[in-house]
Amino acid sequence: MPIPIERRRSRLAVAVYKLFDPIPFGMFVGALIFDVVYAKTGELLWMKAAAWLIAIGLIFAIIPRLVNLALVWFPARKPDSAALKIDFFLNFLAIVAAIFNAFVHSRDAYGVMPAGMWLSIATVVLLCVGSVVRTSYEFDLEERGHD
């Protein structure tokens, strides 16, 4: 009779996820701020800086999303909640919006606005909502653990 072995999440995977997950959010928020400044001033520097922040944010978004893919869709123990899957999809949609935003920001400087700013807003809002969903789920787990 085989003995069931309880598998746990990899601590390294969770550590890598928690280390790299906030970086894209910071880059995309910075790009949104630079888009707003560019819309107000018309100075090309801000548009170019926003394009670089979006590109760097996309590069850093790959690692935590791959780790999250493995942790959420191939769980080691009990199936994860719907909240983590919602967070995954919201982050995925944010990355898709950021990819389109990178293409928009590759245009001529005056062709970037207003689409670039709206895509930056959509990216940041999707990331914020996903973070709130994930944090509320983790908070509920902690609350249940202390009861």
N, C-alpha and C. Protein backbone atom coordinates (compact mmCIF):
# COMPACT_ATOMS: atom_id res chain seq x y z
N MET A 1 0.85 -1.17 0.00
CA MET A 1 0.00 0.00 0.00
C MET A 1 0.89 1.24 0.00
N PRO A 2 0.75 2.06 -1.04
CA PRO A 2 1.59 3.25 -1.10
C PRO A 2 1.18 4.28 -0.04
N ILE A 3 2.18 4.91 0.54
CA ILE A 3 1.94 5.93 1.56
C ILE A 3 1.82 7.27 0.85
N PRO A 4 0.72 7.99 1.07
CA PRO A 4 0.60 9.31 0.41
C PRO A 4 1.63 10.28 0.98
N ILE A 5 2.31 10.93 0.09
CA ILE A 5 3.32 11.91 0.48
C ILE A 5 2.73 13.29 0.28
N GLU A 6 2.78 14.08 1.32
CA GLU A 6 2.27 15.45 1.23
C GLU A 6 3.35 16.34 0.63
N ARG A 7 3.04 16.91 -0.50
CA ARG A 7 3.99 17.82 -1.15
C ARG A 7 3.73 19.23 -0.67
N ARG A 8 4.80 19.98 -0.53
CA ARG A 8 4.69 21.37 -0.10
C ARG A 8 5.16 22.27 -1.23
N ARG A 9 4.78 23.52 -1.10
CA ARG A 9 5.27 24.51 -2.05
C ARG A 9 6.76 24.72 -1.85
N SER A 10 7.43 24.99 -2.92
CA SER A 10 8.85 25.26 -2.83
C SER A 10 9.07 26.62 -2.18
N ARG A 11 9.88 26.64 -1.14
CA ARG A 11 10.18 27.91 -0.49
C ARG A 11 10.95 28.83 -1.41
N LEU A 12 11.81 28.25 -2.23
CA LEU A 12 12.58 29.06 -3.17
C LEU A 12 11.66 29.72 -4.20
N ALA A 13 10.69 28.97 -4.70
CA ALA A 13 9.76 29.53 -5.68
C ALA A 13 8.95 30.67 -5.09
N VAL A 14 8.48 30.48 -3.86
CA VAL A 14 7.70 31.53 -3.20
C VAL A 14 8.58 32.75 -2.94
N ALA A 15 9.84 32.52 -2.54
CA ALA A 15 10.75 33.64 -2.28
C ALA A 15 11.05 34.41 -3.57
N VAL A 16 11.28 33.70 -4.67
CA VAL A 16 11.54 34.37 -5.95
C VAL A 16 10.32 35.16 -6.39
N TYR A 17 9.13 34.57 -6.21
CA TYR A 17 7.90 35.26 -6.58
C TYR A 17 7.73 36.55 -5.77
N LYS A 18 7.91 36.45 -4.45
CA LYS A 18 7.72 37.63 -3.61
C LYS A 18 8.81 38.67 -3.83
N LEU A 19 9.98 38.25 -4.29
CA LEU A 19 11.06 39.19 -4.58
C LEU A 19 10.81 39.96 -5.87
N PHE A 20 10.39 39.28 -6.92
CA PHE A 20 10.26 39.92 -8.23
C PHE A 20 8.87 40.48 -8.52
N ASP A 21 7.85 40.08 -7.78
CA ASP A 21 6.49 40.53 -8.09
C ASP A 21 6.28 42.04 -7.99
N PRO A 22 6.84 42.76 -7.01
CA PRO A 22 6.59 44.21 -6.94
C PRO A 22 7.33 45.04 -7.98
N ILE A 23 8.36 44.51 -8.59
CA ILE A 23 9.18 45.31 -9.51
C ILE A 23 8.39 45.79 -10.72
N PRO A 24 7.64 44.93 -11.42
CA PRO A 24 6.88 45.43 -12.58
C PRO A 24 5.85 46.49 -12.19
N PHE A 25 5.23 46.32 -11.01
CA PHE A 25 4.24 47.31 -10.57
C PHE A 25 4.89 48.69 -10.44
N GLY A 26 6.06 48.75 -9.84
CA GLY A 26 6.76 50.02 -9.71
C GLY A 26 7.12 50.63 -11.06
N MET A 27 7.55 49.79 -11.98
CA MET A 27 7.91 50.28 -13.31
C MET A 27 6.68 50.82 -14.05
N PHE A 28 5.57 50.09 -13.96
CA PHE A 28 4.37 50.52 -14.67
C PHE A 28 3.76 51.78 -14.04
N VAL A 29 3.84 51.91 -12.73
CA VAL A 29 3.36 53.14 -12.08
C VAL A 29 4.26 54.31 -12.49
N GLY A 30 5.57 54.08 -12.54
CA GLY A 30 6.48 55.12 -13.01
C GLY A 30 6.18 55.53 -14.44
N ALA A 31 5.88 54.56 -15.29
CA ALA A 31 5.53 54.87 -16.68
C ALA A 31 4.24 55.69 -16.75
N LEU A 32 3.27 55.37 -15.91
CA LEU A 32 2.03 56.15 -15.87
C LEU A 32 2.32 57.59 -15.44
N ILE A 33 3.15 57.75 -14.43
CA ILE A 33 3.50 59.11 -13.98
C ILE A 33 4.21 59.87 -15.10
N PHE A 34 5.12 59.21 -15.79
CA PHE A 34 5.83 59.87 -16.90
C PHE A 34 4.89 60.19 -18.04
N ASP A 35 3.88 59.33 -18.29
CA ASP A 35 2.90 59.64 -19.33
C ASP A 35 2.09 60.88 -18.97
N VAL A 36 1.72 61.00 -17.71
CA VAL A 36 0.96 62.18 -17.27
C VAL A 36 1.82 63.44 -17.43
N VAL A 37 3.09 63.34 -17.04
CA VAL A 37 3.98 64.50 -17.18
C VAL A 37 4.17 64.85 -18.65
N TYR A 38 4.33 63.83 -19.50
CA TYR A 38 4.47 64.10 -20.94
C TYR A 38 3.21 64.74 -21.51
N ALA A 39 2.04 64.27 -21.07
CA ALA A 39 0.79 64.86 -21.56
C ALA A 39 0.68 66.33 -21.17
N LYS A 40 1.21 66.69 -20.01
CA LYS A 40 1.13 68.08 -19.54
C LYS A 40 2.20 68.97 -20.15
N THR A 41 3.42 68.43 -20.36
CA THR A 41 4.53 69.28 -20.80
C THR A 41 4.86 69.14 -22.28
N GLY A 42 4.67 67.97 -22.85
CA GLY A 42 5.04 67.75 -24.25
C GLY A 42 6.54 67.51 -24.43
N GLU A 43 7.28 67.37 -23.35
CA GLU A 43 8.72 67.13 -23.41
C GLU A 43 8.97 65.66 -23.76
N LEU A 44 9.74 65.42 -24.83
CA LEU A 44 9.95 64.08 -25.34
C LEU A 44 10.67 63.16 -24.36
N LEU A 45 11.46 63.72 -23.48
CA LEU A 45 12.19 62.91 -22.52
C LEU A 45 11.25 62.02 -21.71
N TRP A 46 10.11 62.55 -21.31
CA TRP A 46 9.19 61.80 -20.47
C TRP A 46 8.56 60.63 -21.23
N MET A 47 8.28 60.82 -22.50
CA MET A 47 7.72 59.73 -23.30
C MET A 47 8.74 58.62 -23.50
N LYS A 48 9.98 58.99 -23.76
CA LYS A 48 11.04 57.99 -23.95
C LYS A 48 11.30 57.23 -22.64
N ALA A 49 11.30 57.96 -21.52
CA ALA A 49 11.51 57.32 -20.23
C ALA A 49 10.36 56.35 -19.91
N ALA A 50 9.15 56.74 -20.24
CA ALA A 50 8.00 55.85 -20.01
C ALA A 50 8.13 54.58 -20.85
N ALA A 51 8.58 54.73 -22.09
CA ALA A 51 8.76 53.56 -22.95
C ALA A 51 9.80 52.60 -22.36
N TRP A 52 10.89 53.14 -21.82
CA TRP A 52 11.91 52.30 -21.20
C TRP A 52 11.37 51.62 -19.95
N LEU A 53 10.62 52.34 -19.14
CA LEU A 53 10.06 51.74 -17.93
C LEU A 53 9.08 50.61 -18.26
N ILE A 54 8.31 50.78 -19.31
CA ILE A 54 7.38 49.72 -19.73
C ILE A 54 8.16 48.50 -20.19
N ALA A 55 9.21 48.71 -20.98
CA ALA A 55 10.01 47.58 -21.46
C ALA A 55 10.68 46.85 -20.30
N ILE A 56 11.26 47.58 -19.36
CA ILE A 56 11.91 46.96 -18.21
C ILE A 56 10.87 46.25 -17.33
N GLY A 57 9.71 46.87 -17.15
CA GLY A 57 8.65 46.24 -16.37
C GLY A 57 8.19 44.93 -16.99
N LEU A 58 8.11 44.88 -18.32
CA LEU A 58 7.72 43.64 -18.99
C LEU A 58 8.78 42.56 -18.81
N ILE A 59 10.04 42.93 -18.85
CA ILE A 59 11.10 41.94 -18.65
C ILE A 59 11.02 41.36 -17.24
N PHE A 60 10.84 42.23 -16.24
CA PHE A 60 10.75 41.76 -14.87
C PHE A 60 9.42 41.09 -14.55
N ALA A 61 8.42 41.25 -15.39
CA ALA A 61 7.12 40.62 -15.14
C ALA A 61 7.11 39.15 -15.54
N ILE A 62 8.07 38.73 -16.33
CA ILE A 62 8.09 37.35 -16.81
C ILE A 62 8.34 36.37 -15.67
N ILE A 63 9.34 36.63 -14.85
CA ILE A 63 9.75 35.67 -13.82
C ILE A 63 8.64 35.39 -12.80
N PRO A 64 8.05 36.43 -12.17
CA PRO A 64 7.01 36.09 -11.19
C PRO A 64 5.77 35.46 -11.81
N ARG A 65 5.46 35.80 -13.06
CA ARG A 65 4.29 35.18 -13.68
C ARG A 65 4.53 33.70 -13.96
N LEU A 66 5.74 33.32 -14.35
CA LEU A 66 6.02 31.90 -14.56
C LEU A 66 5.98 31.13 -13.24
N VAL A 67 6.53 31.72 -12.19
CA VAL A 67 6.47 31.07 -10.88
C VAL A 67 5.02 30.99 -10.42
N ASN A 68 4.26 32.05 -10.60
CA ASN A 68 2.85 32.05 -10.22
C ASN A 68 2.06 31.03 -11.02
N LEU A 69 2.40 30.86 -12.27
CA LEU A 69 1.76 29.85 -13.11
C LEU A 69 1.93 28.47 -12.50
N ALA A 70 3.15 28.16 -12.09
CA ALA A 70 3.41 26.85 -11.50
C ALA A 70 2.74 26.70 -10.14
N LEU A 71 2.75 27.75 -9.32
CA LEU A 71 2.18 27.65 -7.97
C LEU A 71 0.66 27.57 -7.98
N VAL A 72 0.02 28.29 -8.90
CA VAL A 72 -1.45 28.35 -8.91
C VAL A 72 -2.06 27.19 -9.69
N TRP A 73 -1.50 26.88 -10.83
CA TRP A 73 -2.14 25.89 -11.70
C TRP A 73 -1.65 24.47 -11.49
N PHE A 74 -0.52 24.30 -10.83
CA PHE A 74 0.00 22.97 -10.51
C PHE A 74 0.30 22.93 -9.02
N PRO A 75 -0.73 23.02 -8.18
CA PRO A 75 -0.49 23.13 -6.73
C PRO A 75 0.09 21.85 -6.16
N ALA A 76 0.96 22.03 -5.17
CA ALA A 76 1.60 20.88 -4.53
C ALA A 76 0.69 20.25 -3.49
N ARG A 77 -0.18 21.02 -2.91
CA ARG A 77 -1.07 20.48 -1.89
C ARG A 77 -2.50 20.72 -2.31
N LYS A 78 -3.34 21.18 -1.42
CA LYS A 78 -4.74 21.41 -1.77
C LYS A 78 -4.86 22.43 -2.89
N PRO A 79 -5.91 22.34 -3.68
CA PRO A 79 -6.08 23.32 -4.76
C PRO A 79 -6.19 24.74 -4.21
N ASP A 80 -5.59 25.66 -4.92
CA ASP A 80 -5.63 27.05 -4.50
C ASP A 80 -7.01 27.65 -4.77
N SER A 81 -7.27 28.74 -4.10
CA SER A 81 -8.59 29.36 -4.19
C SER A 81 -8.77 30.08 -5.52
N ALA A 82 -9.99 30.45 -5.75
CA ALA A 82 -10.32 31.20 -6.95
C ALA A 82 -9.69 32.59 -6.92
N ALA A 83 -9.43 33.12 -5.73
CA ALA A 83 -8.82 34.45 -5.61
C ALA A 83 -7.44 34.48 -6.24
N LEU A 84 -6.65 33.43 -6.04
CA LEU A 84 -5.32 33.38 -6.64
C LEU A 84 -5.40 33.24 -8.15
N LYS A 85 -6.40 32.53 -8.63
CA LYS A 85 -6.57 32.40 -10.08
C LYS A 85 -7.04 33.73 -10.69
N ILE A 86 -7.90 34.45 -9.98
CA ILE A 86 -8.33 35.77 -10.45
C ILE A 86 -7.13 36.71 -10.50
N ASP A 87 -6.29 36.66 -9.46
CA ASP A 87 -5.07 37.47 -9.45
C ASP A 87 -4.18 37.13 -10.63
N PHE A 88 -4.04 35.84 -10.93
CA PHE A 88 -3.22 35.42 -12.07
C PHE A 88 -3.76 36.01 -13.37
N PHE A 89 -5.07 35.89 -13.59
CA PHE A 89 -5.65 36.40 -14.83
C PHE A 89 -5.58 37.92 -14.92
N LEU A 90 -5.78 38.62 -13.81
CA LEU A 90 -5.67 40.08 -13.84
C LEU A 90 -4.24 40.51 -14.16
N ASN A 91 -3.26 39.81 -13.60
CA ASN A 91 -1.87 40.11 -13.92
C ASN A 91 -1.56 39.78 -15.38
N PHE A 92 -2.14 38.69 -15.88
CA PHE A 92 -1.95 38.34 -17.28
C PHE A 92 -2.53 39.42 -18.20
N LEU A 93 -3.73 39.89 -17.88
CA LEU A 93 -4.34 40.96 -18.68
C LEU A 93 -3.53 42.25 -18.59
N ALA A 94 -2.97 42.52 -17.42
CA ALA A 94 -2.12 43.71 -17.26
C ALA A 94 -0.87 43.60 -18.14
N ILE A 95 -0.30 42.43 -18.22
CA ILE A 95 0.89 42.24 -19.07
C ILE A 95 0.52 42.39 -20.54
N VAL A 96 -0.64 41.88 -20.94
CA VAL A 96 -1.09 42.06 -22.33
C VAL A 96 -1.29 43.55 -22.62
N ALA A 97 -1.91 44.28 -21.69
CA ALA A 97 -2.09 45.72 -21.87
C ALA A 97 -0.73 46.42 -21.94
N ALA A 98 0.23 45.97 -21.14
CA ALA A 98 1.56 46.58 -21.17
C ALA A 98 2.29 46.29 -22.47
N ILE A 99 2.06 45.11 -23.05
CA ILE A 99 2.67 44.81 -24.35
C ILE A 99 2.11 45.75 -25.42
N PHE A 100 0.79 45.93 -25.44
CA PHE A 100 0.20 46.89 -26.37
C PHE A 100 0.71 48.30 -26.09
N ASN A 101 0.89 48.62 -24.83
CA ASN A 101 1.40 49.93 -24.45
C ASN A 101 2.83 50.12 -24.96
N ALA A 102 3.62 49.07 -24.91
CA ALA A 102 4.99 49.16 -25.44
C ALA A 102 4.96 49.45 -26.94
N PHE A 103 4.04 48.82 -27.65
CA PHE A 103 3.92 49.09 -29.09
C PHE A 103 3.46 50.52 -29.35
N VAL A 104 2.52 51.00 -28.53
CA VAL A 104 2.04 52.38 -28.69
C VAL A 104 3.19 53.35 -28.41
N HIS A 105 3.98 53.08 -27.38
CA HIS A 105 5.09 53.97 -27.04
C HIS A 105 6.24 53.90 -28.04
N SER A 106 6.22 52.94 -28.94
CA SER A 106 7.27 52.88 -29.97
C SER A 106 6.94 53.77 -31.16
N ARG A 107 5.77 54.37 -31.16
CA ARG A 107 5.38 55.29 -32.24
C ARG A 107 6.15 56.60 -32.15
N ASP A 108 5.86 57.45 -33.10
CA ASP A 108 6.37 58.82 -33.05
C ASP A 108 5.81 59.47 -31.79
N ALA A 109 6.56 60.40 -31.23
CA ALA A 109 6.23 60.96 -29.91
C ALA A 109 4.82 61.52 -29.84
N TYR A 110 4.36 62.20 -30.86
CA TYR A 110 3.05 62.83 -30.78
C TYR A 110 1.91 61.85 -31.04
N GLY A 111 2.23 60.64 -31.48
CA GLY A 111 1.21 59.62 -31.70
C GLY A 111 0.95 58.76 -30.46
N VAL A 112 1.68 59.02 -29.39
CA VAL A 112 1.55 58.20 -28.19
C VAL A 112 0.31 58.55 -27.38
N MET A 113 0.01 59.83 -27.27
CA MET A 113 -1.12 60.27 -26.45
C MET A 113 -2.38 60.32 -27.29
N PRO A 114 -3.51 60.00 -26.76
CA PRO A 114 -3.87 59.59 -25.40
C PRO A 114 -3.84 58.09 -25.18
N ALA A 115 -3.63 57.29 -26.24
CA ALA A 115 -3.70 55.83 -26.09
C ALA A 115 -2.67 55.30 -25.10
N GLY A 116 -1.47 55.86 -25.12
CA GLY A 116 -0.43 55.41 -24.21
C GLY A 116 -0.81 55.61 -22.75
N MET A 117 -1.42 56.76 -22.46
CA MET A 117 -1.81 57.01 -21.08
C MET A 117 -2.95 56.09 -20.65
N TRP A 118 -3.92 55.84 -21.53
CA TRP A 118 -5.03 54.97 -21.18
C TRP A 118 -4.56 53.53 -20.97
N LEU A 119 -3.62 53.08 -21.77
CA LEU A 119 -3.09 51.74 -21.57
C LEU A 119 -2.26 51.65 -20.28
N SER A 120 -1.54 52.72 -19.96
CA SER A 120 -0.81 52.75 -18.69
C SER A 120 -1.77 52.71 -17.51
N ILE A 121 -2.86 53.45 -17.61
CA ILE A 121 -3.87 53.43 -16.54
C ILE A 121 -4.48 52.03 -16.41
N ALA A 122 -4.82 51.42 -17.53
CA ALA A 122 -5.40 50.07 -17.49
C ALA A 122 -4.43 49.07 -16.87
N THR A 123 -3.16 49.16 -17.22
CA THR A 123 -2.16 48.25 -16.67
C THR A 123 -2.06 48.40 -15.16
N VAL A 124 -1.96 49.63 -14.68
CA VAL A 124 -1.81 49.87 -13.24
C VAL A 124 -3.08 49.46 -12.49
N VAL A 125 -4.24 49.75 -13.04
CA VAL A 125 -5.50 49.39 -12.36
C VAL A 125 -5.64 47.87 -12.27
N LEU A 126 -5.33 47.16 -13.35
CA LEU A 126 -5.42 45.70 -13.31
C LEU A 126 -4.45 45.11 -12.28
N LEU A 127 -3.24 45.64 -12.21
CA LEU A 127 -2.29 45.16 -11.21
C LEU A 127 -2.75 45.48 -9.80
N CYS A 128 -3.33 46.66 -9.60
CA CYS A 128 -3.83 47.03 -8.27
C CYS A 128 -4.98 46.12 -7.83
N VAL A 129 -5.92 45.88 -8.71
CA VAL A 129 -7.05 45.03 -8.36
C VAL A 129 -6.57 43.60 -8.06
N GLY A 130 -5.65 43.09 -8.88
CA GLY A 130 -5.11 41.76 -8.62
C GLY A 130 -4.39 41.68 -7.29
N SER A 131 -3.66 42.72 -6.96
CA SER A 131 -2.95 42.74 -5.68
C SER A 131 -3.92 42.80 -4.50
N VAL A 132 -4.99 43.56 -4.64
CA VAL A 132 -6.00 43.64 -3.57
C VAL A 132 -6.68 42.28 -3.39
N VAL A 133 -7.00 41.61 -4.48
CA VAL A 133 -7.65 40.29 -4.39
C VAL A 133 -6.71 39.30 -3.70
N ARG A 134 -5.45 39.26 -4.11
CA ARG A 134 -4.49 38.33 -3.52
C ARG A 134 -4.24 38.66 -2.04
N THR A 135 -4.08 39.93 -1.73
CA THR A 135 -3.81 40.32 -0.35
C THR A 135 -5.00 40.02 0.56
N SER A 136 -6.21 40.25 0.08
CA SER A 136 -7.38 39.95 0.90
C SER A 136 -7.49 38.44 1.15
N TYR A 137 -7.14 37.63 0.17
CA TYR A 137 -7.14 36.18 0.35
C TYR A 137 -6.09 35.77 1.39
N GLU A 138 -4.88 36.33 1.28
CA GLU A 138 -3.82 35.99 2.24
C GLU A 138 -4.18 36.48 3.63
N PHE A 139 -4.83 37.63 3.72
CA PHE A 139 -5.26 38.14 5.02
C PHE A 139 -6.31 37.22 5.64
N ASP A 140 -7.24 36.74 4.82
CA ASP A 140 -8.25 35.81 5.32
C ASP A 140 -7.62 34.52 5.82
N LEU A 141 -6.58 34.03 5.14
CA LEU A 141 -5.88 32.84 5.61
C LEU A 141 -5.24 33.08 6.97
N GLU A 142 -4.63 34.23 7.13
CA GLU A 142 -4.00 34.55 8.42
C GLU A 142 -5.05 34.67 9.52
N GLU A 143 -6.19 35.26 9.21
CA GLU A 143 -7.25 35.41 10.20
C GLU A 143 -7.78 34.05 10.64
N ARG A 144 -7.94 33.14 9.69
CA ARG A 144 -8.43 31.80 10.03
C ARG A 144 -7.40 31.03 10.84
N GLY A 145 -6.12 31.29 10.57
CA GLY A 145 -5.06 30.60 11.29
C GLY A 145 -4.95 31.03 12.73
N HIS A 146 -5.34 32.27 13.04
CA HIS A 146 -5.22 32.77 14.41
C HIS A 146 -6.45 32.49 15.25
N ASP A 147 -7.53 32.04 14.64
CA ASP A 147 -8.76 31.75 15.41
C ASP A 147 -8.66 30.44 16.16
